[in-house]
Amino acid sequence: MLNVPAQAFPASGSQQRAAAGGRSKVPLKPGRSLMDWIRLTKSGKDLTGLKGRLIEVTEEELAKHSKKDDCWICIRGLVYNVTPYMEYHPGGDDELMRAAGTDGTDLFDQVHRWVNYESMLKECLVGRMALKPVAATTETCCALPEGKKLLNGMLPKNKVLDTSSKDLTPSYDWFQTDYLVTVVIYTKQKGMNSEMVIVDHQDGRLRVDSILRDYSYLLHIELSYAVQEDITVHIAEKVGKVEIVLKKKDNIPWSKLGQPLNSHNSFIKCTDRGLYYRKCKLISKTEVTHDTKLFCLMLPQSTHLQVPVGHHIYLKQIIAGTEIVKPYTPVSCSLKSDFKEPSHHDSTHLILMIKIYPNGLFTPELDHLQIGDYISVSNSEGSFKKSQVQTLEDLFLLAAGTGFTPMVKLLNYVLTNVCSLRTVKLMFFNKTEDDILWRNQLEQLALKDKRFEVQFILSEPKKEGTGKQGKISSSLLSDFLKRSKKDSKLLICVCGPAPFTEQGIQFLQDLGYSKEEVHRFTA
């Protein structure tokens, strides 16, 4: 979605408030870039202060290291000395200090749990947190009934859930014919659709992740025998049944589906599930503007992944031996709502609109990819739900720069599927006319669909009299946010760089719009 620097620790405070469009950044001193940090970690310098030793850290010991010149932080049971990282952190040392001497896992997960902190901070590892004695608990484990514990020769491995979720615990089974193996998941969730099921088959391993509200139900199995690459997914929406059909390579009977792998048959919160990546092939790269390109990635044949409207994925690259991860929102091929996507742009492909920063670390490497090269792509994430727009009458979109990307699929969806819609208005902020993404398509869409209107706002126009000028302001928004009728049901979506988003949200609050009427796109 936005080209923001990968960080090795969570943003919070002002960064959380700006989560819609990017991360708040502070000016870094010369020689304090991400690449400079990577060079430092590979210099052999002792960054922990322990001369290579790893220690067991108690809560009392962790709490002693809570100053800027002596700062330890715990993430998922591992303790890091982040003191040397202070000057390299794009969010500033104040953000790191919010977790100084404490467990910072929750802060980390709030904004970008996807960052590979193990790689970024591996030379800062102090050791593990000491385990505390655990008192006996009466918490109930949501296991399957005794009669179903051994399912087709496989022993399920369940995780402990809170009691409010135990009635939703899914289950699975499988059956076979001479040529096919069908895995059936009973999600017990009405309204399931293909976007809520992610299937991967790699190296004989089947991974099926079903998203049920805020929970993830995972099947992870090493199959007994080889199957073909093409996998079919069927979903009975009304009853929540998911079928994954596999074609046998050899016409032999299976005595069992396979062996359970890590986290198999687990039902946990989505935020507790680590991101899963698969390799996708770059099949085309085309220019959108002078510094922005459209990348088309092909998913593996044995992957089923459909990114919902308003959700994003993560790209991962190894740069200078360190894993760097960045979020991007897939777009459609076109803004024309009746556009029939050609066969090479169907659900087996992801299309990303990415701004290339010449002096950046991540995007130049991305731009250097050749057609046929591969890059790692994660599952999708996001908080936007189609239910937010199903009965809308007015939709207002505020975008700046590449914050426009989540608006692309949203425009296609609402103009095609929301019958109650009266008006859709986009206010698109850019520096110059040359920076406007898909200007011609936006203008053509406005001519074709009378419900749609676009306004371009330039902060650095090349010449006078080229339309509205300036930056986001209360007066601009007040004129722009005109309902189609009194008390119409509306939604305002905002996405752009952190200062833009923060200011926009504040202006909307000042104008009296409620939290329910405003959505900030994350990542």
Protein backbone atom coordinates (compact mmCIF):
# COMPACT_ATOMS: atom_id res chain seq x y z
CA MET A 1 0.00 0.00 0.00
CA LEU A 2 2.56 2.49 1.18
CA ASN A 3 6.27 2.51 0.81
CA VAL A 4 7.34 2.87 4.41
CA PRO A 5 10.62 1.76 5.98
CA ALA A 6 10.69 -1.70 7.53
CA GLN A 7 11.20 -1.37 11.25
CA ALA A 8 12.42 -3.83 13.81
CA PHE A 9 10.10 -2.72 16.58
CA PRO A 10 6.50 -1.62 16.92
CA ALA A 11 5.24 1.86 16.48
CA SER A 12 2.86 3.18 19.07
CA GLY A 13 1.40 6.48 20.23
CA SER A 14 1.42 8.77 17.21
CA GLN A 15 2.33 5.84 14.98
CA GLN A 16 -0.71 3.85 16.03
CA ARG A 17 -2.92 6.84 15.37
CA ALA A 18 -1.42 7.01 11.89
CA ALA A 19 -1.74 3.33 11.14
CA ALA A 20 -4.01 4.05 8.22
CA GLY A 21 -1.35 5.20 5.87
CA GLY A 22 2.13 4.63 7.16
CA ARG A 23 4.36 5.03 10.15
CA SER A 24 5.38 8.27 11.81
CA LYS A 25 9.04 8.86 11.10
CA VAL A 26 11.61 11.11 12.70
CA PRO A 27 14.60 12.52 10.81
CA LEU A 28 17.56 10.19 11.25
CA LYS A 29 21.12 11.43 11.54
CA PRO A 30 23.42 10.83 8.57
CA GLY A 31 24.77 7.30 8.65
CA ARG A 32 21.74 5.95 10.54
CA SER A 33 19.75 4.35 7.72
CA LEU A 34 18.46 0.78 7.73
CA MET A 35 21.40 -0.28 5.57
CA ASP A 36 23.78 1.39 8.05
CA TRP A 37 22.15 -0.66 10.82
CA ILE A 38 22.59 -3.87 8.82
CA ARG A 39 26.27 -3.03 8.29
CA LEU A 40 26.70 -2.44 12.03
CA THR A 41 25.13 -5.80 12.90
CA LYS A 42 27.62 -7.51 10.59
CA SER A 43 30.65 -5.60 11.86
CA GLY A 44 31.37 -8.00 14.71
CA LYS A 45 30.85 -5.30 17.33
CA ASP A 46 29.42 -6.46 20.66
CA LEU A 47 25.90 -5.00 20.58
CA THR A 48 24.60 -6.78 23.68
CA GLY A 49 27.34 -5.79 26.10
CA LEU A 50 27.64 -9.43 27.18
CA LYS A 51 30.62 -10.42 24.99
CA GLY A 52 28.70 -13.11 23.16
CA ARG A 53 27.12 -14.75 26.22
CA LEU A 54 23.39 -15.53 26.39
CA ILE A 55 21.73 -15.28 29.78
CA GLU A 56 18.40 -16.10 31.40
CA VAL A 57 16.61 -12.85 32.26
CA THR A 58 14.22 -12.47 35.17
CA GLU A 59 11.49 -9.82 35.26
CA GLU A 60 13.43 -8.01 37.94
CA GLU A 61 16.59 -7.94 35.81
CA LEU A 62 14.67 -6.80 32.72
CA ALA A 63 13.12 -3.91 34.67
CA LYS A 64 16.58 -2.60 35.61
CA HIS A 65 17.37 -1.86 31.93
CA SER A 66 14.81 0.86 31.22
CA LYS A 67 16.89 3.89 30.26
CA LYS A 68 17.84 5.26 26.84
CA ASP A 69 21.49 4.40 27.41
CA ASP A 70 20.60 0.96 28.80
CA CYS A 71 17.41 -0.37 27.23
CA TRP A 72 16.33 -4.02 27.14
CA ILE A 73 13.01 -5.15 25.67
CA CYS A 74 11.33 -8.56 25.62
CA ILE A 75 9.50 -9.82 22.49
CA ARG A 76 7.87 -13.25 22.61
CA GLY A 77 10.08 -14.52 25.39
CA LEU A 78 13.37 -13.24 23.92
CA VAL A 79 15.19 -10.25 25.43
CA TYR A 80 17.07 -7.76 23.24
CA ASN A 81 19.41 -4.91 24.15
CA VAL A 82 18.02 -2.24 21.80
CA THR A 83 20.27 0.53 23.12
CA PRO A 84 22.51 0.56 20.01
CA TYR A 85 19.40 0.55 17.77
CA MET A 86 17.96 3.75 19.26
CA GLU A 87 19.45 6.11 16.67
CA TYR A 88 18.47 3.82 13.78
CA HIS A 89 14.80 3.42 14.63
CA PRO A 90 12.58 5.32 12.14
CA GLY A 91 9.95 5.88 14.83
CA GLY A 92 12.41 7.57 17.17
CA ASP A 93 13.76 6.50 20.54
CA ASP A 94 10.57 7.63 22.34
CA GLU A 95 8.69 4.79 20.64
CA LEU A 96 11.23 2.21 21.83
CA MET A 97 11.20 3.65 25.33
CA ARG A 98 7.49 2.85 25.67
CA ALA A 99 8.51 -0.78 26.11
CA ALA A 100 11.82 -0.24 27.90
CA GLY A 101 12.44 -2.82 30.61
CA THR A 102 9.18 -4.63 29.90
CA ASP A 103 7.52 -7.17 27.60
CA GLY A 104 6.88 -5.26 24.36
CA THR A 105 5.13 -8.08 22.48
CA ASP A 106 1.68 -6.47 22.52
CA LEU A 107 3.04 -3.14 21.29
CA PHE A 108 4.90 -4.94 18.54
CA ASP A 109 1.78 -6.84 17.43
CA GLN A 110 -0.41 -3.75 17.37
CA VAL A 111 1.26 -2.24 14.33
CA HIS A 112 3.62 -4.55 12.47
CA ARG A 113 3.96 -8.03 13.88
CA TRP A 114 5.12 -8.97 10.37
CA VAL A 115 8.58 -7.43 10.81
CA ASN A 116 11.27 -10.10 11.20
CA TYR A 117 12.71 -8.74 14.42
CA GLU A 118 14.68 -11.98 14.93
CA SER A 119 16.71 -11.10 11.85
CA MET A 120 16.87 -7.34 12.47
CA LEU A 121 17.90 -7.65 16.13
CA LYS A 122 19.69 -11.00 16.21
CA GLU A 123 23.02 -9.41 17.18
CA CYS A 124 21.25 -7.68 20.09
CA LEU A 125 19.91 -10.88 21.67
CA VAL A 126 20.59 -10.97 25.40
CA GLY A 127 18.80 -14.24 26.14
CA ARG A 128 15.48 -15.78 27.14
CA MET A 129 13.07 -14.71 29.83
CA ALA A 130 13.18 -16.96 32.88
CA LEU A 131 10.08 -19.12 33.18
CA LYS A 132 7.86 -18.46 36.15
CA PRO A 133 6.08 -21.28 37.99
CA VAL A 134 2.58 -21.69 36.57
CA ALA A 135 -0.28 -22.19 39.00
CA ALA A 136 -2.91 -24.81 38.28
CA THR A 137 -5.75 -23.47 36.15
CA THR A 138 -9.33 -24.48 35.56
CA GLU A 139 -9.28 -23.23 31.96
CA THR A 140 -10.93 -25.70 29.66
CA CYS A 141 -9.26 -27.04 26.54
CA CYS A 142 -11.61 -27.09 23.58
CA ALA A 143 -10.79 -30.54 22.31
CA LEU A 144 -12.90 -32.67 20.04
CA PRO A 145 -15.15 -35.33 21.58
CA GLU A 146 -13.36 -38.52 22.56
CA GLY A 147 -14.88 -40.42 19.64
CA LYS A 148 -13.39 -37.99 17.14
CA LYS A 149 -9.93 -37.62 18.58
CA LEU A 150 -8.50 -40.26 16.26
CA LEU A 151 -9.66 -39.11 12.84
CA ASN A 152 -8.65 -41.32 9.90
CA GLY A 153 -5.50 -42.37 11.69
CA MET A 154 -4.48 -38.82 12.63
CA LEU A 155 -4.30 -37.47 16.15
CA PRO A 156 -5.56 -33.85 16.23
CA LYS A 157 -3.42 -31.31 18.00
CA ASN A 158 -5.63 -28.62 19.53
CA LYS A 159 -4.67 -25.35 21.15
CA VAL A 160 -6.30 -23.96 24.27
CA LEU A 161 -9.02 -21.42 23.51
CA ASP A 162 -11.03 -19.11 25.70
CA THR A 163 -14.37 -20.63 26.64
CA SER A 164 -16.33 -18.11 24.55
CA SER A 165 -14.90 -19.69 21.39
CA LYS A 166 -15.24 -23.39 22.13
CA ASP A 167 -18.64 -23.74 20.46
CA LEU A 168 -17.11 -22.43 17.24
CA THR A 169 -14.30 -25.00 17.13
CA PRO A 170 -14.22 -26.42 13.58
CA SER A 171 -13.47 -30.02 12.66
CA TYR A 172 -12.42 -31.88 9.55
CA ASP A 173 -12.63 -35.24 7.77
CA TRP A 174 -11.59 -36.72 4.44
CA PHE A 175 -12.67 -39.29 1.94
CA GLN A 176 -11.33 -40.72 -1.30
CA THR A 177 -12.19 -42.27 -4.65
CA ASP A 178 -9.85 -44.08 -7.05
CA TYR A 179 -8.60 -40.77 -8.40
CA LEU A 180 -9.42 -38.06 -5.84
CA VAL A 181 -8.89 -37.18 -2.20
CA THR A 182 -11.34 -34.67 -0.71
CA VAL A 183 -10.59 -32.88 2.58
CA VAL A 184 -13.71 -31.47 4.23
CA ILE A 185 -13.62 -28.71 6.85
CA TYR A 186 -16.75 -28.06 8.91
CA THR A 187 -16.23 -24.47 9.96
CA LYS A 188 -19.62 -24.07 11.69
CA GLN A 189 -19.57 -20.55 10.31
CA LYS A 190 -22.32 -19.28 8.01
CA GLY A 191 -21.35 -16.90 5.25
CA MET A 192 -18.00 -18.51 4.41
CA ASN A 193 -16.56 -17.47 1.06
CA SER A 194 -13.47 -18.16 -1.04
CA GLU A 195 -11.61 -15.16 0.39
CA MET A 196 -11.73 -16.74 3.84
CA VAL A 197 -9.86 -19.90 2.82
CA ILE A 198 -6.15 -19.99 1.92
CA VAL A 199 -4.73 -23.23 0.54
CA ASP A 200 -1.09 -24.05 -0.17
CA HIS A 201 0.46 -27.32 -1.33
CA GLN A 202 4.25 -27.35 -1.35
CA ASP A 203 6.65 -30.31 -1.30
CA GLY A 204 3.91 -32.78 -0.40
CA ARG A 205 2.61 -30.62 2.46
CA LEU A 206 -0.96 -29.37 2.52
CA ARG A 207 -1.73 -26.20 4.46
CA VAL A 208 -5.32 -24.91 4.74
CA ASP A 209 -5.99 -21.74 6.74
CA SER A 210 -9.67 -20.91 7.27
CA ILE A 211 -10.38 -17.41 8.64
CA LEU A 212 -13.41 -17.36 10.95
CA ARG A 213 -14.05 -13.85 12.20
CA ASP A 214 -10.96 -13.11 14.32
CA TYR A 215 -9.86 -16.74 14.50
CA SER A 216 -7.78 -18.98 12.27
CA TYR A 217 -8.39 -22.72 11.88
CA LEU A 218 -5.35 -24.46 10.40
CA LEU A 219 -4.87 -27.86 8.82
CA HIS A 220 -1.20 -28.64 8.22
CA ILE A 221 -0.48 -32.13 6.94
CA GLU A 222 2.30 -34.01 5.21
CA LEU A 223 0.23 -36.02 2.74
CA SER A 224 0.63 -39.79 2.56
CA TYR A 225 1.15 -39.78 -1.21
CA ALA A 226 1.84 -37.36 -4.05
CA VAL A 227 -0.96 -35.31 -5.61
CA GLN A 228 -1.10 -33.14 -8.71
CA GLU A 229 -0.54 -29.39 -8.58
CA ASP A 230 -4.02 -28.22 -9.51
CA ILE A 231 -6.20 -28.03 -6.42
CA THR A 232 -9.92 -27.23 -6.38
CA VAL A 233 -11.66 -25.42 -3.53
CA HIS A 234 -15.45 -25.64 -3.07
CA ILE A 235 -17.32 -23.68 -0.37
CA ALA A 236 -20.91 -24.17 0.75
CA GLU A 237 -21.51 -20.68 2.10
CA LYS A 238 -24.81 -21.34 3.88
CA VAL A 239 -23.49 -24.18 6.02
CA GLY A 240 -19.81 -23.17 6.16
CA LYS A 241 -18.43 -26.37 4.65
CA VAL A 242 -15.11 -26.19 2.80
CA GLU A 243 -13.95 -28.91 0.41
CA ILE A 244 -10.40 -29.16 -0.95
CA VAL A 245 -10.22 -31.62 -3.83
CA LEU A 246 -6.81 -33.20 -4.57
CA LYS A 247 -6.03 -35.35 -7.61
CA LYS A 248 -3.97 -38.45 -6.85
CA LYS A 249 -0.83 -38.94 -8.91
CA ASP A 250 -1.08 -42.69 -8.48
CA ASN A 251 -4.28 -44.73 -8.45
CA ILE A 252 -3.74 -46.35 -5.07
CA PRO A 253 -5.87 -46.34 -1.89
CA TRP A 254 -4.72 -44.19 1.02
CA SER A 255 -4.93 -45.69 4.50
CA LYS A 256 -4.66 -42.25 6.08
CA LEU A 257 -4.51 -38.64 4.93
CA GLY A 258 -1.00 -38.10 6.25
CA GLN A 259 1.05 -36.99 9.22
CA PRO A 260 0.24 -33.84 11.23
CA LEU A 261 2.75 -31.01 11.02
CA ASN A 262 3.36 -27.99 13.24
CA SER A 263 0.16 -26.29 14.47
CA HIS A 264 -2.08 -28.81 12.69
CA ASN A 265 -5.75 -28.72 13.71
CA SER A 266 -5.20 -25.57 15.78
CA PHE A 267 -7.85 -22.88 16.27
CA ILE A 268 -6.34 -19.64 17.54
CA LYS A 269 -6.66 -15.89 17.11
CA CYS A 270 -5.46 -14.63 13.75
CA THR A 271 -3.03 -12.26 15.46
CA ASP A 272 -1.36 -15.27 17.11
CA ARG A 273 -0.83 -17.06 13.80
CA GLY A 274 2.47 -16.33 12.12
CA LEU A 275 2.43 -15.13 8.53
CA TYR A 276 2.92 -17.78 5.86
CA TYR A 277 4.84 -17.03 2.66
CA ARG A 278 4.93 -18.65 -0.76
CA LYS A 279 7.14 -17.87 -3.76
CA CYS A 280 5.38 -15.94 -6.56
CA LYS A 281 6.73 -15.34 -10.06
CA LEU A 282 6.98 -11.86 -11.57
CA ILE A 283 5.31 -12.04 -14.98
CA SER A 284 5.02 -8.36 -15.95
CA LYS A 285 6.17 -4.89 -14.87
CA THR A 286 4.69 -1.75 -16.45
CA GLU A 287 5.02 1.97 -15.79
CA VAL A 288 2.13 3.90 -14.22
CA THR A 289 3.92 7.23 -13.65
CA HIS A 290 7.53 8.43 -13.71
CA ASP A 291 8.26 6.67 -10.40
CA THR A 292 5.45 4.12 -9.95
CA LYS A 293 5.09 0.71 -11.57
CA LEU A 294 2.50 -2.06 -11.79
CA PHE A 295 3.89 -5.47 -10.81
CA CYS A 296 1.95 -8.60 -11.74
CA LEU A 297 2.84 -11.67 -9.68
CA MET A 298 1.66 -15.20 -10.43
CA LEU A 299 0.69 -17.41 -7.50
CA PRO A 300 1.85 -21.05 -7.48
CA GLN A 301 -0.57 -23.37 -9.26
CA SER A 302 -1.25 -25.22 -6.00
CA THR A 303 -2.11 -22.05 -4.04
CA HIS A 304 -5.61 -20.67 -3.47
CA LEU A 305 -5.36 -17.07 -2.22
CA GLN A 306 -7.87 -14.29 -2.89
CA VAL A 307 -7.12 -10.96 -1.19
CA PRO A 308 -10.32 -9.27 0.11
CA VAL A 309 -11.13 -5.65 -0.71
CA GLY A 310 -9.15 -3.30 1.52
CA HIS A 311 -6.69 -5.95 2.69
CA HIS A 312 -2.93 -6.06 2.11
CA ILE A 313 -0.15 -8.61 1.70
CA TYR A 314 3.53 -8.46 2.58
CA LEU A 315 6.51 -8.86 0.26
CA LYS A 316 9.70 -10.27 1.75
CA GLN A 317 13.22 -9.95 0.36
CA ILE A 318 16.65 -10.88 1.68
CA ILE A 319 18.78 -7.72 1.47
CA ALA A 320 22.39 -7.82 2.68
CA GLY A 321 21.60 -11.07 4.49
CA THR A 322 18.66 -9.57 6.42
CA GLU A 323 14.97 -10.25 5.85
CA ILE A 324 13.13 -7.04 4.96
CA VAL A 325 9.33 -7.01 4.76
CA LYS A 326 7.00 -4.36 3.30
CA PRO A 327 3.17 -4.15 3.07
CA TYR A 328 1.33 -3.54 -0.21
CA THR A 329 -2.33 -3.52 -1.20
CA PRO A 330 -3.21 -5.48 -4.38
CA VAL A 331 -5.13 -3.49 -6.99
CA SER A 332 -7.34 -4.38 -9.94
CA CYS A 333 -6.12 -4.21 -13.55
CA SER A 334 -8.48 -1.32 -14.23
CA LEU A 335 -10.89 1.12 -12.64
CA LYS A 336 -13.64 0.24 -15.13
CA SER A 337 -16.28 -1.49 -13.04
CA ASP A 338 -17.42 -3.75 -15.89
CA PHE A 339 -13.87 -4.64 -16.91
CA LYS A 340 -13.45 -8.31 -17.71
CA GLU A 341 -10.03 -9.31 -16.50
CA PRO A 342 -8.02 -11.34 -19.04
CA SER A 343 -7.04 -14.88 -18.15
CA HIS A 344 -3.56 -13.90 -16.92
CA HIS A 345 -5.09 -11.47 -14.40
CA ASP A 346 -7.54 -13.78 -12.65
CA SER A 347 -7.53 -15.03 -9.06
CA THR A 348 -4.20 -16.76 -9.64
CA HIS A 349 -2.42 -13.39 -9.88
CA LEU A 350 -1.68 -10.42 -7.64
CA ILE A 351 -1.26 -6.92 -9.08
CA LEU A 352 0.65 -4.35 -7.03
CA MET A 353 1.09 -0.63 -7.68
CA ILE A 354 4.45 0.32 -6.14
CA LYS A 355 6.34 3.59 -5.98
CA ILE A 356 10.09 3.15 -6.51
CA TYR A 357 12.30 5.22 -4.20
CA PRO A 358 15.76 5.54 -5.87
CA ASN A 359 17.51 6.00 -2.52
CA GLY A 360 15.40 3.42 -0.71
CA LEU A 361 16.47 -0.02 0.46
CA PHE A 362 13.53 -2.21 -0.55
CA THR A 363 11.91 -0.82 -3.71
CA PRO A 364 15.09 -0.53 -5.84
CA GLU A 365 15.73 -4.24 -5.17
CA LEU A 366 12.14 -4.92 -6.15
CA ASP A 367 12.55 -2.90 -9.33
CA HIS A 368 15.66 -4.91 -10.22
CA LEU A 369 13.66 -8.14 -10.36
CA GLN A 370 13.54 -9.60 -13.86
CA ILE A 371 10.51 -11.20 -15.48
CA GLY A 372 10.50 -14.80 -14.27
CA ASP A 373 12.16 -14.01 -10.93
CA TYR A 374 10.44 -14.99 -7.67
CA ILE A 375 9.55 -13.08 -4.51
CA SER A 376 7.97 -14.21 -1.24
CA VAL A 377 4.34 -13.17 -0.71
CA SER A 378 2.41 -13.54 2.55
CA ASN A 379 -1.22 -14.25 3.38
CA SER A 380 -3.44 -11.19 3.44
CA GLU A 381 -4.39 -9.11 6.46
CA GLY A 382 -6.70 -6.19 7.08
CA SER A 383 -9.61 -4.92 9.16
CA PHE A 384 -11.86 -3.67 6.35
CA LYS A 385 -15.13 -5.61 5.91
CA LYS A 386 -17.49 -5.48 2.94
CA SER A 387 -20.36 -5.19 5.39
CA GLN A 388 -19.18 -1.61 6.04
CA VAL A 389 -20.34 -0.57 2.55
CA GLN A 390 -23.23 -2.96 1.77
CA THR A 391 -25.98 -0.43 2.61
CA LEU A 392 -24.07 2.81 2.02
CA GLU A 393 -25.57 5.80 0.26
CA ASP A 394 -22.46 8.02 0.21
CA LEU A 395 -18.80 6.98 0.12
CA PHE A 396 -16.00 9.55 0.44
CA LEU A 397 -12.38 8.61 -0.23
CA LEU A 398 -9.39 10.68 0.93
CA ALA A 399 -6.12 9.47 -0.59
CA ALA A 400 -2.58 10.82 -0.85
CA GLY A 401 0.03 9.32 -3.18
CA THR A 402 0.13 5.53 -3.07
CA GLY A 403 -2.53 5.68 -0.36
CA PHE A 404 -4.75 5.48 -3.45
CA THR A 405 -4.07 1.73 -3.84
CA PRO A 406 -6.71 0.41 -1.38
CA MET A 407 -9.27 2.65 -3.11
CA VAL A 408 -8.87 0.81 -6.45
CA LYS A 409 -10.58 -2.47 -5.58
CA LEU A 410 -12.98 -0.63 -3.27
CA LEU A 411 -14.17 1.56 -6.17
CA ASN A 412 -14.64 -1.48 -8.39
CA TYR A 413 -16.57 -3.29 -5.68
CA VAL A 414 -18.98 -0.56 -4.57
CA LEU A 415 -19.83 0.70 -8.06
CA THR A 416 -20.62 -2.85 -9.15
CA ASN A 417 -22.24 -4.37 -6.07
CA VAL A 418 -23.75 -1.74 -3.74
CA CYS A 419 -27.27 -0.99 -5.00
CA SER A 420 -28.02 1.69 -2.39
CA LEU A 421 -25.04 3.82 -3.43
CA ARG A 422 -25.84 7.38 -4.55
CA THR A 423 -22.42 9.07 -4.63
CA VAL A 424 -18.75 8.10 -4.50
CA LYS A 425 -16.30 11.00 -4.24
CA LEU A 426 -12.51 10.77 -4.26
CA MET A 427 -10.25 13.62 -3.13
CA PHE A 428 -6.78 12.68 -4.39
CA PHE A 429 -3.76 14.59 -3.01
CA ASN A 430 -0.43 14.66 -4.90
CA LYS A 431 2.58 16.94 -5.27
CA THR A 432 2.37 17.51 -9.05
CA GLU A 433 0.22 16.41 -11.97
CA ASP A 434 2.92 13.93 -12.99
CA ASP A 435 2.47 12.12 -9.67
CA ILE A 436 -1.25 11.37 -10.14
CA LEU A 437 -1.83 7.63 -10.42
CA TRP A 438 -4.26 6.49 -13.13
CA ARG A 439 -5.52 10.03 -13.74
CA ASN A 440 -6.95 9.15 -17.15
CA GLN A 441 -8.77 6.10 -15.76
CA LEU A 442 -10.24 8.15 -12.93
CA GLU A 443 -11.51 10.81 -15.32
CA GLN A 444 -12.96 8.17 -17.66
CA LEU A 445 -14.71 6.47 -14.75
CA ALA A 446 -16.25 9.81 -13.71
CA LEU A 447 -17.59 10.31 -17.24
CA LYS A 448 -18.98 6.80 -17.43
CA ASP A 449 -20.54 6.48 -13.95
CA LYS A 450 -22.44 9.60 -12.82
CA ARG A 451 -22.27 8.47 -9.18
CA PHE A 452 -18.47 8.93 -9.18
CA GLU A 453 -16.61 12.23 -8.83
CA VAL A 454 -12.87 12.89 -8.43
CA GLN A 455 -11.04 16.01 -7.28
CA PHE A 456 -7.26 16.38 -7.68
CA ILE A 457 -5.43 18.51 -5.11
CA LEU A 458 -1.81 19.48 -5.85
CA SER A 459 0.63 20.80 -3.26
CA GLU A 460 3.34 21.74 -5.77
CA PRO A 461 1.64 22.52 -9.11
CA LYS A 462 4.00 23.26 -11.99
CA LYS A 463 1.92 26.21 -13.14
CA GLU A 464 -0.89 28.38 -11.85
CA GLY A 465 -4.55 27.69 -12.55
CA THR A 466 -4.29 23.90 -12.78
CA GLY A 467 -7.09 23.08 -10.36
CA LYS A 468 -7.27 23.04 -6.58
CA GLN A 469 -4.05 23.51 -4.67
CA GLY A 470 -2.88 23.02 -1.12
CA LYS A 471 -2.91 20.30 1.49
CA ILE A 472 -5.64 18.55 3.45
CA SER A 473 -7.57 21.01 5.61
CA SER A 474 -10.83 21.37 7.47
CA SER A 475 -12.17 23.85 4.91
CA LEU A 476 -11.37 21.55 1.98
CA LEU A 477 -13.10 18.63 3.69
CA SER A 478 -16.12 20.68 4.72
CA ASP A 479 -16.78 21.62 1.09
CA PHE A 480 -16.05 18.10 -0.15
CA LEU A 481 -18.15 16.06 2.28
CA LYS A 482 -21.62 16.90 1.00
CA ARG A 483 -24.23 14.19 1.57
CA SER A 484 -26.53 13.19 -1.28
CA LYS A 485 -29.45 13.70 1.09
CA LYS A 486 -29.93 14.68 4.71
CA ASP A 487 -28.83 11.98 7.18
CA SER A 488 -27.70 9.61 4.42
CA LYS A 489 -25.62 6.64 5.51
CA LEU A 490 -21.98 7.42 4.72
CA LEU A 491 -18.45 6.14 5.15
CA ILE A 492 -15.21 8.11 4.82
CA CYS A 493 -12.03 6.14 4.01
CA VAL A 494 -8.60 7.66 4.55
CA CYS A 495 -5.16 6.50 3.41
CA GLY A 496 -1.85 8.26 2.88
CA PRO A 497 1.42 9.11 4.64
CA ALA A 498 1.23 9.30 8.42
CA PRO A 499 0.96 13.13 8.77
CA PHE A 500 -1.77 13.20 6.11
CA THR A 501 -3.76 10.49 7.86
CA GLU A 502 -3.36 11.97 11.33
CA GLN A 503 -4.46 15.41 10.15
CA GLY A 504 -7.33 14.00 8.13
CA ILE A 505 -8.70 11.97 11.04
CA GLN A 506 -8.45 14.98 13.34
CA PHE A 507 -10.23 17.25 10.85
CA LEU A 508 -13.02 14.68 10.45
CA GLN A 509 -13.44 14.47 14.22
CA ASP A 510 -13.58 18.27 14.43
CA LEU A 511 -16.29 18.27 11.75
CA GLY A 512 -18.38 15.92 13.88
CA TYR A 513 -18.00 12.59 12.11
CA SER A 514 -18.15 9.53 14.34
CA LYS A 515 -15.62 6.68 14.54
CA GLU A 516 -18.13 4.40 12.81
CA GLU A 517 -18.26 6.77 9.85
CA VAL A 518 -14.47 6.80 9.31
CA HIS A 519 -12.20 3.94 8.22
CA ARG A 520 -8.44 4.25 8.15
CA PHE A 521 -6.71 1.67 6.00
CA THR A 522 -3.89 -0.08 7.83
CA ALA A 523 -0.39 -1.01 6.62
